[in-house]
């Protein structure tokens, strides 16, 4: 079932109170009621819009990571629409627990979001898809589309991976320091400050630290220095998104999972007990080369990568992409001082990569 807003009232229980004016074109915002699985009955937001004259031959699908939403692609989408020479269809969604979708009711991981996404894309009559992935949307987007692999013609990679991060060089359990690493942030930052933390992480120019922070310094900054009275539209949106404790807890789970990125692990979900993520990642890793590599569909690829203190951007991680999809060789565009959220800092380059790989000139 697909729902649309009734006046100004959206049909989900998202905690967002102020929807940015450029979130989706008028008449192009929808809520998909998930029919099956753990999130059956929940409403998932997506935008679905056509731009340019004529029938589009290409569909550009944007899948977001954490702690963000489809709005993280707003600037890239704007550049894409203004620059493409051919008509295109744009689809972007908010995972459950994010953006304008229903709130999470358990601590969700990539396999849950991928299952929900798969149900959505099966209803949308997609074809000739250029898939954009960033952060945890690597496993989410690839995990969904690899079950319907012929839909995908191209893949644009933005600081993400679906493979275990090599142990050489920078790794998440030692970033920004061994004593206070990224996967431990959820244990330090309380739920009520998680939205402020997300707002600053997503919208800051880079994700690196000049020196390892102390937990008390981060808490003090979020409580007393965060620009609550002078937020940008994007910062307010991300803060409001996590006013829900359940959304914050689900987002925090994905941050904790960074310690086991794409390796698969067993974790304890408070309401469901032990859950095993390994089969989900194993399926992706066992199938991606034969389905999308040179001996399969040989999909087009591009990578726009921010290098600022970034485990997903180190040479060893990028090499795993080349090892599994050899067509990535020579297709990475690397940016210093750009950070993890490359779509926020280099939106025009992201748009240009899409235009290039999808032949939209």
Protein backbone atom coordinates (compact mmCIF):
# COMPACT_ATOMS: atom_id res chain seq x y z
CA UNK A 1 0.00 0.00 0.00
CA UNK A 2 1.28 3.46 -0.92
CA UNK A 3 0.17 6.52 1.04
CA UNK A 4 0.55 10.26 0.44
CA UNK A 5 0.41 13.19 2.88
CA UNK A 6 -3.02 14.36 3.99
CA UNK A 7 -2.56 18.11 3.90
CA UNK A 8 0.46 18.86 6.09
CA UNK A 9 0.11 15.61 8.06
CA UNK A 10 2.46 12.84 7.00
CA UNK A 11 1.23 9.25 7.45
CA UNK A 12 4.19 8.03 9.52
CA UNK A 13 5.11 8.50 13.17
CA UNK A 14 8.45 10.12 12.35
CA UNK A 15 9.59 12.51 15.09
CA UNK A 16 10.60 15.11 12.48
CA UNK A 17 8.58 18.29 12.95
CA UNK A 18 10.17 20.50 10.31
CA UNK A 19 10.50 18.96 6.85
CA UNK A 20 13.05 20.84 4.71
CA UNK A 21 11.40 22.52 1.72
CA UNK A 22 13.70 20.73 -0.72
CA UNK A 23 13.14 17.25 0.71
CA UNK A 24 11.08 16.08 -2.27
CA UNK A 25 9.24 17.74 -5.17
CA UNK A 26 5.58 18.52 -4.62
CA UNK A 27 3.45 15.47 -5.30
CA UNK A 28 6.47 13.13 -5.38
CA UNK A 29 6.63 12.04 -1.73
CA UNK A 30 5.12 8.67 -0.80
CA UNK A 31 4.96 6.25 2.11
CA UNK A 32 5.14 2.51 1.40
CA UNK A 33 3.48 0.22 3.92
CA UNK A 34 5.81 -2.73 4.33
CA UNK A 35 3.76 -5.89 3.76
CA UNK A 36 5.94 -8.60 5.30
CA UNK A 37 8.70 -9.35 7.78
CA UNK A 38 9.76 -7.86 11.08
CA UNK A 39 8.58 -4.38 10.05
CA UNK A 40 5.27 -5.40 8.49
CA UNK A 41 2.81 -2.52 8.68
CA UNK A 42 5.43 0.17 9.13
CA UNK A 43 5.51 3.05 6.67
CA UNK A 44 8.66 3.76 4.71
CA UNK A 45 9.09 7.14 3.01
CA UNK A 46 10.38 7.44 -0.53
CA UNK A 47 10.52 10.12 -3.21
CA UNK A 48 9.90 9.11 -6.81
CA UNK A 49 10.22 11.86 -9.39
CA UNK A 50 10.89 12.28 -13.13
CA UNK A 51 12.99 15.14 -14.47
CA UNK A 52 13.51 16.29 -18.05
CA UNK A 53 11.30 15.90 -21.09
CA UNK A 54 10.48 12.47 -22.43
CA UNK A 55 10.40 9.01 -20.93
CA UNK A 56 13.46 8.35 -18.77
CA UNK A 57 15.62 5.38 -19.68
CA UNK A 58 17.66 5.59 -16.48
CA UNK A 59 16.59 5.39 -12.84
CA UNK A 60 18.93 6.79 -10.19
CA UNK A 61 18.38 5.14 -6.80
CA UNK A 62 19.93 6.77 -3.73
CA UNK A 63 20.26 4.65 -0.58
CA UNK A 64 21.43 6.35 2.63
CA UNK A 65 23.54 5.20 5.55
CA UNK A 66 23.78 6.19 9.23
CA UNK A 67 23.14 8.56 11.02
CA UNK A 68 21.59 10.23 7.99
CA UNK A 69 18.55 9.99 5.69
CA UNK A 70 17.77 10.49 2.01
CA UNK A 71 18.15 14.23 2.64
CA UNK A 72 21.93 13.77 2.70
CA UNK A 73 21.72 13.54 -1.11
CA UNK A 74 19.69 16.75 -1.58
CA UNK A 75 22.60 18.81 -2.95
CA UNK A 76 23.82 16.04 -5.24
CA UNK A 77 20.29 15.52 -6.58
CA UNK A 78 19.96 19.24 -7.26
CA UNK A 79 23.21 19.24 -9.28
CA UNK A 80 22.17 16.08 -11.09
CA UNK A 81 18.82 17.50 -12.17
CA UNK A 82 20.37 20.75 -13.40
CA UNK A 83 23.22 19.04 -15.28
CA UNK A 84 21.80 15.94 -16.94
CA UNK A 85 21.02 16.17 -20.64
CA UNK A 86 18.62 13.24 -20.63
CA UNK A 87 15.37 12.59 -18.73
CA UNK A 88 15.87 10.64 -15.51
CA UNK A 89 13.83 9.06 -12.77
CA UNK A 90 15.06 9.64 -9.22
CA UNK A 91 14.16 7.37 -6.30
CA UNK A 92 15.41 7.95 -2.76
CA UNK A 93 14.07 6.44 0.45
CA UNK A 94 14.38 6.75 4.22
CA UNK A 95 15.11 3.53 6.05
CA UNK A 96 12.84 2.69 8.96
CA UNK A 97 14.00 4.68 11.99
CA UNK A 98 15.31 7.53 9.84
CA UNK A 99 13.96 10.64 8.13
CA UNK A 100 10.24 10.66 7.38
CA UNK A 101 9.73 6.92 7.83
CA UNK A 102 8.18 5.24 10.85
CA UNK A 103 10.24 4.92 13.98
CA UNK A 104 12.27 1.81 14.66
CA UNK A 105 10.95 -0.62 17.27
CA UNK A 106 14.09 -2.73 17.63
CA UNK A 107 17.83 -2.28 17.08
CA UNK A 108 17.99 -2.72 13.32
CA UNK A 109 21.02 -3.83 11.32
CA UNK A 110 21.76 -3.83 7.59
CA UNK A 111 19.97 -7.10 6.86
CA UNK A 112 16.74 -5.62 8.24
CA UNK A 113 16.97 -2.44 6.17
CA UNK A 114 17.90 -4.45 3.07
CA UNK A 115 14.84 -6.67 3.45
CA UNK A 116 12.57 -3.62 3.72
CA UNK A 117 14.25 -2.00 0.72
CA UNK A 118 13.87 -5.16 -1.35
CA UNK A 119 10.12 -5.14 -0.71
CA UNK A 120 9.93 -1.49 -1.79
CA UNK A 121 11.91 -1.86 -5.01
CA UNK A 122 9.89 -4.89 -6.05
CA UNK A 123 6.82 -2.62 -6.14
CA UNK A 124 8.38 0.27 -8.09
CA UNK A 125 8.84 -1.23 -11.58
CA UNK A 126 12.49 -0.20 -11.77
CA UNK A 127 14.85 -0.74 -14.69
CA UNK A 128 18.35 0.35 -15.75
CA UNK A 129 19.20 1.39 -12.20
CA UNK A 130 22.26 3.38 -11.24
CA UNK A 131 22.64 2.56 -7.55
CA UNK A 132 24.24 5.12 -5.23
CA UNK A 133 25.58 3.75 -1.94
CA UNK A 134 27.24 5.44 1.03
CA UNK A 135 28.26 4.26 4.50
CA UNK A 136 26.02 1.40 5.71
CA UNK A 137 23.91 1.74 2.57
CA UNK A 138 26.63 -0.30 0.89
CA UNK A 139 25.41 -3.53 2.51
CA UNK A 140 21.82 -2.24 2.58
CA UNK A 141 21.62 -1.22 -1.08
CA UNK A 142 23.72 -4.04 -2.49
CA UNK A 143 22.08 -6.51 -0.10
CA UNK A 144 18.67 -5.62 -1.53
CA UNK A 145 19.50 -5.24 -5.22
CA UNK A 146 21.68 -8.34 -5.41
CA UNK A 147 18.46 -10.30 -4.95
CA UNK A 148 17.17 -8.64 -8.15
CA UNK A 149 20.56 -8.17 -9.83
CA UNK A 150 19.46 -7.57 -13.41
CA UNK A 151 17.85 -4.28 -12.39
CA UNK A 152 21.27 -2.71 -11.77
CA UNK A 153 23.34 -1.27 -14.62
CA UNK A 154 25.74 0.91 -12.64
CA UNK A 155 27.09 1.37 -9.13
CA UNK A 156 28.42 4.61 -7.65
CA UNK A 157 30.41 4.07 -4.47
CA UNK A 158 30.70 6.78 -1.81
CA UNK A 159 32.82 5.79 1.20
CA UNK A 160 31.36 2.37 1.83
CA UNK A 161 32.13 -1.30 1.49
CA UNK A 162 30.37 -4.65 1.51
CA UNK A 163 33.60 -6.50 2.36
CA UNK A 164 35.43 -6.85 5.69
CA UNK A 165 37.74 -3.91 6.28
CA UNK A 166 41.37 -5.11 6.14
CA UNK A 167 43.14 -5.07 9.51
CA UNK A 168 46.15 -3.19 8.15
CA UNK A 169 46.15 0.57 8.52
CA UNK A 170 43.29 2.52 10.04
CA UNK A 171 40.42 0.47 11.49
CA UNK A 172 37.27 1.55 13.31
CA UNK A 173 38.20 -0.02 16.66
CA UNK A 174 41.27 2.24 16.76
CA UNK A 175 39.65 5.39 15.33
CA UNK A 176 39.93 8.10 16.57
CA UNK A 177 41.86 6.28 19.33
CA UNK A 178 42.17 2.80 20.82
CA UNK A 179 40.89 4.08 24.16
CA UNK A 180 37.81 5.82 22.71
CA UNK A 181 36.99 4.25 19.35
CA UNK A 182 34.09 4.93 17.01
CA UNK A 183 32.07 1.81 18.02
CA UNK A 184 32.14 2.96 21.67
CA UNK A 185 30.56 6.37 20.99
CA UNK A 186 27.01 4.98 21.54
CA UNK A 187 28.00 3.96 25.07
CA UNK A 188 29.16 7.48 25.90
CA UNK A 189 26.63 9.75 24.21
CA UNK A 190 23.14 9.60 25.79
CA UNK A 191 20.08 9.16 23.59
CA UNK A 192 18.91 12.72 24.19
CA UNK A 193 22.14 14.07 22.66
CA UNK A 194 22.39 11.59 19.80
CA UNK A 195 20.49 13.90 17.43
CA UNK A 196 22.88 16.76 18.05
CA UNK A 197 25.81 14.40 17.53
CA UNK A 198 24.33 13.13 14.25
CA UNK A 199 23.62 16.66 13.04
CA UNK A 200 27.23 17.72 13.50
CA UNK A 201 28.79 14.51 12.17
CA UNK A 202 26.77 14.52 8.94
CA UNK A 203 27.04 18.22 8.16
CA UNK A 204 30.66 18.88 9.21
CA UNK A 205 33.24 19.34 6.42
CA UNK A 206 35.34 16.35 7.50
CA UNK A 207 35.05 13.37 9.80
CA UNK A 208 38.61 13.41 11.12
CA UNK A 209 39.80 14.58 14.54
CA UNK A 210 42.75 16.91 15.03
CA UNK A 211 43.55 14.86 18.15
CA UNK A 212 41.70 12.04 19.93
CA UNK A 213 38.75 13.54 21.80
CA UNK A 214 37.82 12.77 25.37
CA UNK A 215 34.27 11.60 26.13
CA UNK A 216 33.69 14.44 28.58
CA UNK A 217 34.73 17.00 25.95
CA UNK A 218 32.22 15.62 23.44
CA UNK A 219 29.40 15.63 26.00
CA UNK A 220 30.22 19.17 27.07
CA UNK A 221 30.28 20.33 23.45
CA UNK A 222 26.92 18.73 22.64
CA UNK A 223 25.31 20.13 25.78
CA UNK A 224 26.76 23.62 25.86
CA UNK A 225 28.33 24.53 22.51
CA UNK A 226 26.02 22.90 19.96
CA UNK A 227 24.42 25.79 17.95
CA UNK A 228 20.85 25.07 18.97
CA UNK A 229 19.71 28.65 18.29
CA UNK A 230 21.62 28.85 15.03
CA UNK A 231 21.12 25.46 13.43
CA UNK A 232 21.11 25.00 9.70
CA UNK A 233 18.01 23.44 8.16
CA UNK A 234 19.89 20.15 7.78
CA UNK A 235 21.16 20.15 11.37
CA UNK A 236 17.68 20.75 12.74
CA UNK A 237 16.33 17.92 10.61
CA UNK A 238 18.92 15.37 11.79
CA UNK A 239 18.51 16.44 15.41
CA UNK A 240 14.74 16.05 15.25
CA UNK A 241 15.04 12.67 13.56
CA UNK A 242 16.59 11.25 16.72
CA UNK A 243 14.24 12.80 19.27
CA UNK A 244 12.84 9.28 19.37
CA UNK A 245 14.80 7.03 21.76
CA UNK A 246 14.00 4.02 19.57
CA UNK A 247 15.47 5.75 16.52
CA UNK A 248 18.57 6.72 18.49
CA UNK A 249 19.06 3.17 19.76
CA UNK A 250 18.69 1.71 16.29
CA UNK A 251 21.17 4.21 14.87
CA UNK A 252 23.58 3.45 17.70
CA UNK A 253 23.42 -0.25 16.86
CA UNK A 254 24.80 0.46 13.38
CA UNK A 255 27.66 2.48 14.88
CA UNK A 256 28.48 -0.44 17.17
CA UNK A 257 28.46 -2.75 14.14
CA UNK A 258 31.40 -0.81 12.68
CA UNK A 259 33.64 -3.02 14.79
CA UNK A 260 32.53 -5.97 12.63
CA UNK A 261 32.00 -4.16 9.32
CA UNK A 262 30.76 -6.72 6.77
CA UNK A 263 32.40 -9.58 8.70
CA UNK A 264 29.17 -10.86 10.19
CA UNK A 265 28.67 -11.21 13.93
CA UNK A 266 26.23 -12.42 16.57
CA UNK A 267 24.76 -9.64 18.66
CA UNK A 268 22.15 -9.44 21.38
CA UNK A 269 19.01 -7.53 20.41
CA UNK A 270 17.09 -6.52 23.56
CA UNK A 271 13.68 -7.71 22.32
CA UNK A 272 14.70 -10.64 20.08
CA UNK A 273 17.78 -12.13 21.69
CA UNK A 274 20.74 -13.36 19.67
CA UNK A 275 20.87 -12.48 15.98
CA UNK A 276 23.44 -13.60 13.40
CA UNK A 277 24.38 -11.21 10.58
CA UNK A 278 26.97 -13.49 8.92
CA UNK A 279 24.67 -15.19 6.35
CA UNK A 280 23.56 -11.79 5.05
CA UNK A 281 27.10 -10.64 4.31
CA UNK A 282 28.16 -14.05 3.04
CA UNK A 283 25.43 -13.96 0.39
CA UNK A 284 26.63 -10.58 -0.89
CA UNK A 285 30.28 -11.58 -0.93
CA UNK A 286 29.59 -14.96 -2.58
CA UNK A 287 27.51 -13.45 -5.39
CA UNK A 288 28.64 -9.92 -6.22
CA UNK A 289 31.52 -10.91 -8.51
CA UNK A 290 29.69 -13.51 -10.54
CA UNK A 291 26.59 -11.35 -10.90
CA UNK A 292 28.05 -7.87 -11.45
CA UNK A 293 31.69 -8.53 -12.38
CA UNK A 294 33.20 -8.77 -15.90
CA UNK A 295 31.98 -12.34 -16.36
CA UNK A 296 28.49 -11.39 -15.23
CA UNK A 297 26.65 -8.18 -16.09
CA UNK A 298 29.87 -6.14 -16.01
CA UNK A 299 28.08 -3.18 -14.49
CA UNK A 300 29.52 0.31 -14.78
CA UNK A 301 31.24 1.63 -11.67
CA UNK A 302 32.56 4.87 -10.22
CA UNK A 303 33.92 5.78 -6.80
CA UNK A 304 33.89 9.23 -5.17
CA UNK A 305 35.94 8.85 -2.01
CA UNK A 306 36.72 11.21 0.87
CA UNK A 307 40.11 10.40 2.40
CA UNK A 308 39.94 12.27 5.72
CA UNK A 309 40.71 9.72 8.52
CA UNK A 310 38.53 7.14 6.84
CA UNK A 311 38.81 3.30 7.19
CA UNK A 312 36.46 2.73 4.24
CA UNK A 313 38.71 4.93 2.06
CA UNK A 314 42.13 3.44 2.77
CA UNK A 315 43.95 1.81 -0.11
CA UNK A 316 43.48 -1.70 1.27
CA UNK A 317 39.70 -1.28 1.46
CA UNK A 318 39.44 0.13 -2.05
CA UNK A 319 41.53 -2.79 -3.30
CA UNK A 320 38.89 -5.22 -2.03
CA UNK A 321 36.46 -3.58 -4.45
CA UNK A 322 38.92 -4.03 -7.32
CA UNK A 323 39.53 -7.64 -6.31
CA UNK A 324 35.81 -8.40 -6.47
CA UNK A 325 34.70 -6.00 -9.22
CA UNK A 326 37.83 -5.51 -11.38
CA UNK A 327 36.11 -2.81 -13.40
CA UNK A 328 36.73 -0.50 -10.40
CA UNK A 329 40.41 -0.32 -11.38
CA UNK A 330 41.17 3.35 -12.14
CA UNK A 331 37.60 4.44 -11.41
CA UNK A 332 38.13 6.01 -7.97
CA UNK A 333 38.22 9.79 -7.59
CA UNK A 334 39.92 10.62 -4.29
CA UNK A 335 39.53 13.82 -2.28
CA UNK A 336 41.66 14.99 0.64
CA UNK A 337 39.97 16.86 3.50
CA UNK A 338 36.57 15.74 2.23
CA UNK A 339 35.65 13.28 4.99
CA UNK A 340 33.30 10.35 5.23
CA UNK A 341 30.14 12.21 4.19
CA UNK A 342 31.46 12.91 0.71
CA UNK A 343 27.97 13.52 -0.71
CA UNK A 344 27.71 16.53 1.62
CA UNK A 345 31.13 17.99 0.74
CA UNK A 346 31.43 17.08 -2.95
CA UNK A 347 27.84 16.90 -4.24
CA UNK A 348 28.71 18.18 -7.72
CA UNK A 349 31.38 15.52 -8.14
CA UNK A 350 28.88 12.88 -7.08
CA UNK A 351 26.38 14.17 -9.65
CA UNK A 352 29.04 14.23 -12.35
CA UNK A 353 30.03 10.64 -11.59
CA UNK A 354 26.41 9.57 -11.97
CA UNK A 355 26.07 11.43 -15.27
CA UNK A 356 29.29 9.87 -16.52
CA UNK A 357 28.61 6.25 -15.60
CA UNK A 358 24.95 6.35 -16.66
CA UNK A 359 25.71 8.17 -19.94
CA UNK A 360 23.39 11.08 -19.19
CA UNK A 361 25.29 13.70 -21.22
